[in-house]
Amino acid sequence: MAVKQEIEFTINPDGSIGIEVKGVSGSSCTELTREIEEALGIVTNRTYTSEYYQTEEVAQTTVSVGGADEE
């Protein structure tokens, strides 16, 4: 069953922006927000949730084209 992934943005009164990722385990959360962070400016603080320290679920797909004995 797929887990719902969310990115929540908070704009603070001082103009700083908070980004919280939910439903993503492991370091893939930082990859998910990388482009957004680059567009917004300099990251001044990063706090990791307990999900960050959980093992990432990785899906692997193998695709074969043609037969192994084909020449």
PDB file of N, CA and C in Angstrom:
ATOM      1  N   MET A   1       0.838  -1.186   0.000  1.00  0.00           N
ATOM      2  CA  MET A   1       0.000   0.000   0.000  1.00  0.00           C
ATOM      3  C   MET A   1       0.879   1.244   0.000  1.00  0.00           C
ATOM      4  N   ALA A   2       0.593   2.187  -0.860  1.00  0.00           N
ATOM      5  CA  ALA A   2       1.378   3.410  -0.969  1.00  0.00           C
ATOM      6  C   ALA A   2       1.104   4.334   0.207  1.00  0.00           C
ATOM      7  N   VAL A   3       2.150   5.014   0.651  1.00  0.00           N
ATOM      8  CA  VAL A   3       2.034   5.968   1.750  1.00  0.00           C
ATOM      9  C   VAL A   3       1.874   7.360   1.161  1.00  0.00           C
ATOM     10  N   LYS A   4       0.965   8.120   1.708  1.00  0.00           N
ATOM     11  CA  LYS A   4       0.729   9.487   1.249  1.00  0.00           C
ATOM     12  C   LYS A   4       1.939  10.346   1.593  1.00  0.00           C
ATOM     13  N   GLN A   5       2.462  11.052   0.611  1.00  0.00           N
ATOM     14  CA  GLN A   5       3.595  11.950   0.809  1.00  0.00           C
ATOM     15  C   GLN A   5       3.087  13.387   0.745  1.00  0.00           C
ATOM     16  N   GLU A   6       3.512  14.202   1.702  1.00  0.00           N
ATOM     17  CA  GLU A   6       3.070  15.593   1.753  1.00  0.00           C
ATOM     18  C   GLU A   6       4.257  16.515   1.986  1.00  0.00           C
ATOM     19  N   ILE A   7       4.176  17.710   1.402  1.00  0.00           N
ATOM     20  CA  ILE A   7       5.124  18.778   1.693  1.00  0.00           C
ATOM     21  C   ILE A   7       4.293  19.942   2.196  1.00  0.00           C
ATOM     22  N   GLU A   8       4.578  20.378   3.418  1.00  0.00           N
ATOM     23  CA  GLU A   8       3.828  21.478   4.033  1.00  0.00           C
ATOM     24  C   GLU A   8       4.742  22.701   4.145  1.00  0.00           C
ATOM     25  N   PHE A   9       4.252  23.838   3.656  1.00  0.00           N
ATOM     26  CA  PHE A   9       5.007  25.091   3.705  1.00  0.00           C
ATOM     27  C   PHE A   9       4.400  26.009   4.753  1.00  0.00           C
ATOM     28  N   THR A  10       5.266  26.684   5.503  1.00  0.00           N
ATOM     29  CA  THR A  10       4.838  27.682   6.475  1.00  0.00           C
ATOM     30  C   THR A  10       5.597  28.967   6.184  1.00  0.00           C
ATOM     31  N   ILE A  11       4.866  30.065   6.011  1.00  0.00           N
ATOM     32  CA  ILE A  11       5.504  31.366   5.822  1.00  0.00           C
ATOM     33  C   ILE A  11       5.369  32.113   7.139  1.00  0.00           C
ATOM     34  N   ASN A  12       6.500  32.381   7.772  1.00  0.00           N
ATOM     35  CA  ASN A  12       6.527  33.013   9.093  1.00  0.00           C
ATOM     36  C   ASN A  12       6.432  34.532   8.978  1.00  0.00           C
ATOM     37  N   PRO A  13       6.025  35.214  10.057  1.00  0.00           N
ATOM     38  CA  PRO A  13       5.894  36.675  10.023  1.00  0.00           C
ATOM     39  C   PRO A  13       7.173  37.406   9.622  1.00  0.00           C
ATOM     40  N   ASP A  14       8.337  36.802   9.899  1.00  0.00           N
ATOM     41  CA  ASP A  14       9.601  37.453   9.528  1.00  0.00           C
ATOM     42  C   ASP A  14       9.997  37.202   8.075  1.00  0.00           C
ATOM     43  N   GLY A  15       9.144  36.456   7.330  1.00  0.00           N
ATOM     44  CA  GLY A  15       9.404  36.192   5.925  1.00  0.00           C
ATOM     45  C   GLY A  15      10.121  34.886   5.663  1.00  0.00           C
ATOM     46  N   SER A  16      10.602  34.237   6.707  1.00  0.00           N
ATOM     47  CA  SER A  16      11.262  32.946   6.506  1.00  0.00           C
ATOM     48  C   SER A  16      10.218  31.886   6.169  1.00  0.00           C
ATOM     49  N   ILE A  17      10.650  30.858   5.496  1.00  0.00           N
ATOM     50  CA  ILE A  17       9.739  29.809   5.034  1.00  0.00           C
ATOM     51  C   ILE A  17      10.170  28.482   5.630  1.00  0.00           C
ATOM     52  N   GLY A  18       9.207  27.764   6.202  1.00  0.00           N
ATOM     53  CA  GLY A  18       9.465  26.434   6.730  1.00  0.00           C
ATOM     54  C   GLY A  18       8.893  25.400   5.784  1.00  0.00           C
ATOM     55  N   ILE A  19       9.614  24.299   5.630  1.00  0.00           N
ATOM     56  CA  ILE A  19       9.162  23.197   4.790  1.00  0.00           C
ATOM     57  C   ILE A  19       9.187  21.933   5.638  1.00  0.00           C
ATOM     58  N   GLU A  20       8.063  21.236   5.706  1.00  0.00           N
ATOM     59  CA  GLU A  20       7.995  19.983   6.446  1.00  0.00           C
ATOM     60  C   GLU A  20       7.534  18.882   5.499  1.00  0.00           C
ATOM     61  N   VAL A  21       8.284  17.794   5.459  1.00  0.00           N
ATOM     62  CA  VAL A  21       7.961  16.656   4.601  1.00  0.00           C
ATOM     63  C   VAL A  21       7.372  15.561   5.474  1.00  0.00           C
ATOM     64  N   LYS A  22       6.247  15.010   5.045  1.00  0.00           N
ATOM     65  CA  LYS A  22       5.582  13.949   5.791  1.00  0.00           C
ATOM     66  C   LYS A  22       5.380  12.741   4.882  1.00  0.00           C
ATOM     67  N   GLY A  23       5.518  11.548   5.456  1.00  0.00           N
ATOM     68  CA  GLY A  23       5.281  10.325   4.690  1.00  0.00           C
ATOM     69  C   GLY A  23       6.450   9.866   3.858  1.00  0.00           C
ATOM     70  N   VAL A  24       7.645  10.416   4.112  1.00  0.00           N
ATOM     71  CA  VAL A  24       8.841  10.031   3.368  1.00  0.00           C
ATOM     72  C   VAL A  24       9.890   9.610   4.383  1.00  0.00           C
ATOM     73  N   SER A  25      10.409   8.393   4.252  1.00  0.00           N
ATOM     74  CA  SER A  25      11.418   7.946   5.194  1.00  0.00           C
ATOM     75  C   SER A  25      12.804   8.040   4.577  1.00  0.00           C
ATOM     76  N   GLY A  26      13.781   8.175   5.433  1.00  0.00           N
ATOM     77  CA  GLY A  26      15.165   8.254   4.979  1.00  0.00           C
ATOM     78  C   GLY A  26      15.520   9.607   4.398  1.00  0.00           C
ATOM     79  N   SER A  27      16.670   9.666   3.779  1.00  0.00           N
ATOM     80  CA  SER A  27      17.187  10.943   3.272  1.00  0.00           C
ATOM     81  C   SER A  27      16.532  11.390   1.971  1.00  0.00           C
ATOM     82  N   SER A  28      15.606  10.613   1.425  1.00  0.00           N
ATOM     83  CA  SER A  28      14.954  11.010   0.175  1.00  0.00           C
ATOM     84  C   SER A  28      14.122  12.274   0.353  1.00  0.00           C
ATOM     85  N   CYS A  29      13.799  12.641   1.597  1.00  0.00           N
ATOM     86  CA  CYS A  29      13.044  13.878   1.829  1.00  0.00           C
ATOM     87  C   CYS A  29      13.853  15.101   1.396  1.00  0.00           C
ATOM     88  N   THR A  30      15.164  15.072   1.613  1.00  0.00           N
ATOM     89  CA  THR A  30      15.980  16.219   1.202  1.00  0.00           C
ATOM     90  C   THR A  30      16.090  16.301  -0.318  1.00  0.00           C
ATOM     91  N   GLU A  31      16.091  15.154  -0.989  1.00  0.00           N
ATOM     92  CA  GLU A  31      16.106  15.148  -2.457  1.00  0.00           C
ATOM     93  C   GLU A  31      14.772  15.659  -3.001  1.00  0.00           C
ATOM     94  N   LEU A  32      13.701  15.332  -2.302  1.00  0.00           N
ATOM     95  CA  LEU A  32      12.367  15.757  -2.714  1.00  0.00           C
ATOM     96  C   LEU A  32      12.226  17.284  -2.672  1.00  0.00           C
ATOM     97  N   THR A  33      12.872  17.932  -1.729  1.00  0.00           N
ATOM     98  CA  THR A  33      12.728  19.384  -1.567  1.00  0.00           C
ATOM     99  C   THR A  33      13.923  20.180  -2.102  1.00  0.00           C
ATOM    100  N   ARG A  34      14.915  19.506  -2.646  1.00  0.00           N
ATOM    101  CA  ARG A  34      16.153  20.175  -3.083  1.00  0.00           C
ATOM    102  C   ARG A  34      15.895  21.341  -4.037  1.00  0.00           C
ATOM    103  N   GLU A  35      15.146  21.105  -5.091  1.00  0.00           N
ATOM    104  CA  GLU A  35      14.903  22.160  -6.084  1.00  0.00           C
ATOM    105  C   GLU A  35      14.098  23.311  -5.502  1.00  0.00           C
ATOM    106  N   ILE A  36      13.156  22.986  -4.639  1.00  0.00           N
ATOM    107  CA  ILE A  36      12.352  24.038  -3.990  1.00  0.00           C
ATOM    108  C   ILE A  36      13.241  24.901  -3.118  1.00  0.00           C
ATOM    109  N   GLU A  37      14.109  24.267  -2.328  1.00  0.00           N
ATOM    110  CA  GLU A  37      15.024  25.005  -1.454  1.00  0.00           C
ATOM    111  C   GLU A  37      15.954  25.904  -2.262  1.00  0.00           C
ATOM    112  N   GLU A  38      16.468  25.387  -3.372  1.00  0.00           N
ATOM    113  CA  GLU A  38      17.360  26.182  -4.218  1.00  0.00           C
ATOM    114  C   GLU A  38      16.643  27.405  -4.772  1.00  0.00           C
ATOM    115  N   ALA A  39      15.378  27.254  -5.130  1.00  0.00           N
ATOM    116  CA  ALA A  39      14.610  28.368  -5.685  1.00  0.00           C
ATOM    117  C   ALA A  39      14.275  29.412  -4.619  1.00  0.00           C
ATOM    118  N   LEU A  40      14.082  28.968  -3.375  1.00  0.00           N
ATOM    119  CA  LEU A  40      13.690  29.889  -2.308  1.00  0.00           C
ATOM    120  C   LEU A  40      14.856  30.662  -1.720  1.00  0.00           C
ATOM    121  N   GLY A  41      16.051  30.099  -1.707  1.00  0.00           N
ATOM    122  CA  GLY A  41      17.192  30.812  -1.134  1.00  0.00           C
ATOM    123  C   GLY A  41      18.073  29.895  -0.310  1.00  0.00           C
ATOM    124  N   ILE A  42      18.722  30.452   0.677  1.00  0.00           N
ATOM    125  CA  ILE A  42      19.690  29.731   1.491  1.00  0.00           C
ATOM    126  C   ILE A  42      18.996  29.039   2.664  1.00  0.00           C
ATOM    127  N   VAL A  43      19.307  27.771   2.861  1.00  0.00           N
ATOM    128  CA  VAL A  43      18.781  27.029   4.006  1.00  0.00           C
ATOM    129  C   VAL A  43      19.598  27.444   5.229  1.00  0.00           C
ATOM    130  N   THR A  44      18.918  27.997   6.235  1.00  0.00           N
ATOM    131  CA  THR A  44      19.616  28.455   7.435  1.00  0.00           C
ATOM    132  C   THR A  44      19.508  27.468   8.582  1.00  0.00           C
ATOM    133  N   ASN A  45      18.546  26.554   8.519  1.00  0.00           N
ATOM    134  CA  ASN A  45      18.365  25.581   9.591  1.00  0.00           C
ATOM    135  C   ASN A  45      17.660  24.361   9.024  1.00  0.00           C
ATOM    136  N   ARG A  46      18.082  23.180   9.457  1.00  0.00           N
ATOM    137  CA  ARG A  46      17.435  21.948   9.010  1.00  0.00           C
ATOM    138  C   ARG A  46      17.271  21.064  10.239  1.00  0.00           C
ATOM    139  N   THR A  47      16.053  20.617  10.487  1.00  0.00           N
ATOM    140  CA  THR A  47      15.748  19.716  11.588  1.00  0.00           C
ATOM    141  C   THR A  47      15.139  18.458  11.008  1.00  0.00           C
ATOM    142  N   TYR A  48      15.687  17.307  11.381  1.00  0.00           N
ATOM    143  CA  TYR A  48      15.192  16.036  10.854  1.00  0.00           C
ATOM    144  C   TYR A  48      14.183  15.420  11.818  1.00  0.00           C
ATOM    145  N   THR A  49      13.121  14.845  11.255  1.00  0.00           N
ATOM    146  CA  THR A  49      12.120  14.140  12.054  1.00  0.00           C
ATOM    147  C   THR A  49      12.575  12.694  12.235  1.00  0.00           C
ATOM    148  N   SER A  50      11.845  11.946  13.027  1.00  0.00           N
ATOM    149  CA  SER A  50      12.187  10.537  13.239  1.00  0.00           C
ATOM    150  C   SER A  50      12.092   9.737  11.942  1.00  0.00           C
ATOM    151  N   GLU A  51      11.240  10.171  11.011  1.00  0.00           N
ATOM    152  CA  GLU A  51      11.114   9.486   9.713  1.00  0.00           C
ATOM    153  C   GLU A  51      12.433   9.504   8.940  1.00  0.00           C
ATOM    154  N   TYR A  52      13.227  10.563   9.119  1.00  0.00           N
ATOM    155  CA  TYR A  52      14.502  10.682   8.410  1.00  0.00           C
ATOM    156  C   TYR A  52      15.432   9.522   8.770  1.00  0.00           C
ATOM    157  N   TYR A  53      15.361   9.074  10.010  1.00  0.00           N
ATOM    158  CA  TYR A  53      16.270   8.046  10.499  1.00  0.00           C
ATOM    159  C   TYR A  53      15.742   6.626  10.262  1.00  0.00           C
ATOM    160  N   GLN A  54      14.547   6.500   9.673  1.00  0.00           N
ATOM    161  CA  GLN A  54      14.004   5.192   9.343  1.00  0.00           C
ATOM    162  C   GLN A  54      14.605   4.702   8.033  1.00  0.00           C
ATOM    163  N   THR A  55      14.597   3.407   7.844  1.00  0.00           N
ATOM    164  CA  THR A  55      15.129   2.818   6.622  1.00  0.00           C
ATOM    165  C   THR A  55      14.243   3.178   5.448  1.00  0.00           C
ATOM    166  N   GLU A  56      14.879   3.575   4.361  1.00  0.00           N
ATOM    167  CA  GLU A  56      14.132   3.910   3.150  1.00  0.00           C
ATOM    168  C   GLU A  56      13.642   2.647   2.474  1.00  0.00           C
ATOM    169  N   GLU A  57      12.430   2.711   1.945  1.00  0.00           N
ATOM    170  CA  GLU A  57      11.929   1.621   1.134  1.00  0.00           C
ATOM    171  C   GLU A  57      12.343   1.906  -0.304  1.00  0.00           C
ATOM    172  N   VAL A  58      13.024   0.961  -0.897  1.00  0.00           N
ATOM    173  CA  VAL A  58      13.519   1.148  -2.258  1.00  0.00           C
ATOM    174  C   VAL A  58      12.836   0.146  -3.171  1.00  0.00           C
ATOM    175  N   ALA A  59      12.298   0.643  -4.267  1.00  0.00           N
ATOM    176  CA  ALA A  59      11.682  -0.232  -5.265  1.00  0.00           C
ATOM    177  C   ALA A  59      12.694  -0.455  -6.374  1.00  0.00           C
ATOM    178  N   GLN A  60      12.843  -1.692  -6.777  1.00  0.00           N
ATOM    179  CA  GLN A  60      13.783  -2.005  -7.838  1.00  0.00           C
ATOM    180  C   GLN A  60      13.034  -2.709  -8.957  1.00  0.00           C
ATOM    181  N   THR A  61      13.280  -2.280 -10.177  1.00  0.00           N
ATOM    182  CA  THR A  61      12.649  -2.885 -11.337  1.00  0.00           C
ATOM    183  C   THR A  61      13.739  -3.347 -12.290  1.00  0.00           C
ATOM    184  N   THR A  62      13.611  -4.559 -12.779  1.00  0.00           N
ATOM    185  CA  THR A  62      14.551  -5.088 -13.755  1.00  0.00           C
ATOM    186  C   THR A  62      13.806  -5.296 -15.062  1.00  0.00           C
ATOM    187  N   VAL A  63      14.349  -4.776 -16.150  1.00  0.00           N
ATOM    188  CA  VAL A  63      13.729  -4.905 -17.459  1.00  0.00           C
ATOM    189  C   VAL A  63      14.687  -5.665 -18.361  1.00  0.00           C
ATOM    190  N   SER A  64      14.192  -6.718 -18.984  1.00  0.00           N
ATOM    191  CA  SER A  64      14.991  -7.500 -19.942  1.00  0.00           C
ATOM    192  C   SER A  64      14.408  -7.302 -21.324  1.00  0.00           C
ATOM    193  N   VAL A  65      15.260  -7.105 -22.293  1.00  0.00           N
ATOM    194  CA  VAL A  65      14.823  -6.943 -23.671  1.00  0.00           C
ATOM    195  C   VAL A  65      15.384  -8.106 -24.466  1.00  0.00           C
ATOM    196  N   GLY A  66      14.507  -8.868 -25.124  1.00  0.00           N
ATOM    197  CA  GLY A  66      14.944 -10.016 -25.914  1.00  0.00           C
ATOM    198  C   GLY A  66      15.342 -11.179 -25.030  1.00  0.00           C
ATOM    199  N   GLY A  67      15.693 -12.284 -25.630  1.00  0.00           N
ATOM    200  CA  GLY A  67      16.098 -13.483 -24.890  1.00  0.00           C
ATOM    201  C   GLY A  67      17.577 -13.459 -24.587  1.00  0.00           C
ATOM    202  N   ALA A  68      17.997 -14.209 -23.597  1.00  0.00           N
ATOM    203  CA  ALA A  68      19.400 -14.271 -23.218  1.00  0.00           C
ATOM    204  C   ALA A  68      20.246 -14.944 -24.280  1.00  0.00           C
ATOM    205  N   ASP A  69      19.646 -15.876 -25.049  1.00  0.00           N
ATOM    206  CA  ASP A  69      20.397 -16.618 -26.062  1.00  0.00           C
ATOM    207  C   ASP A  69      20.291 -15.987 -27.445  1.00  0.00           C
ATOM    208  N   GLU A  70      19.645 -14.836 -27.552  1.00  0.00           N
ATOM    209  CA  GLU A  70      19.425 -14.189 -28.843  1.00  0.00           C
ATOM    210  C   GLU A  70      20.711 -13.593 -29.376  1.00  0.00           C
ATOM    211  N   GLU A  71      20.966 -13.753 -30.662  1.00  0.00           N
ATOM    212  CA  GLU A  71      22.173 -13.167 -31.280  1.00  0.00           C
ATOM    213  C   GLU A  71      21.815 -12.350 -32.460  1.00  0.00           C
TER     214      GLU A  71
END
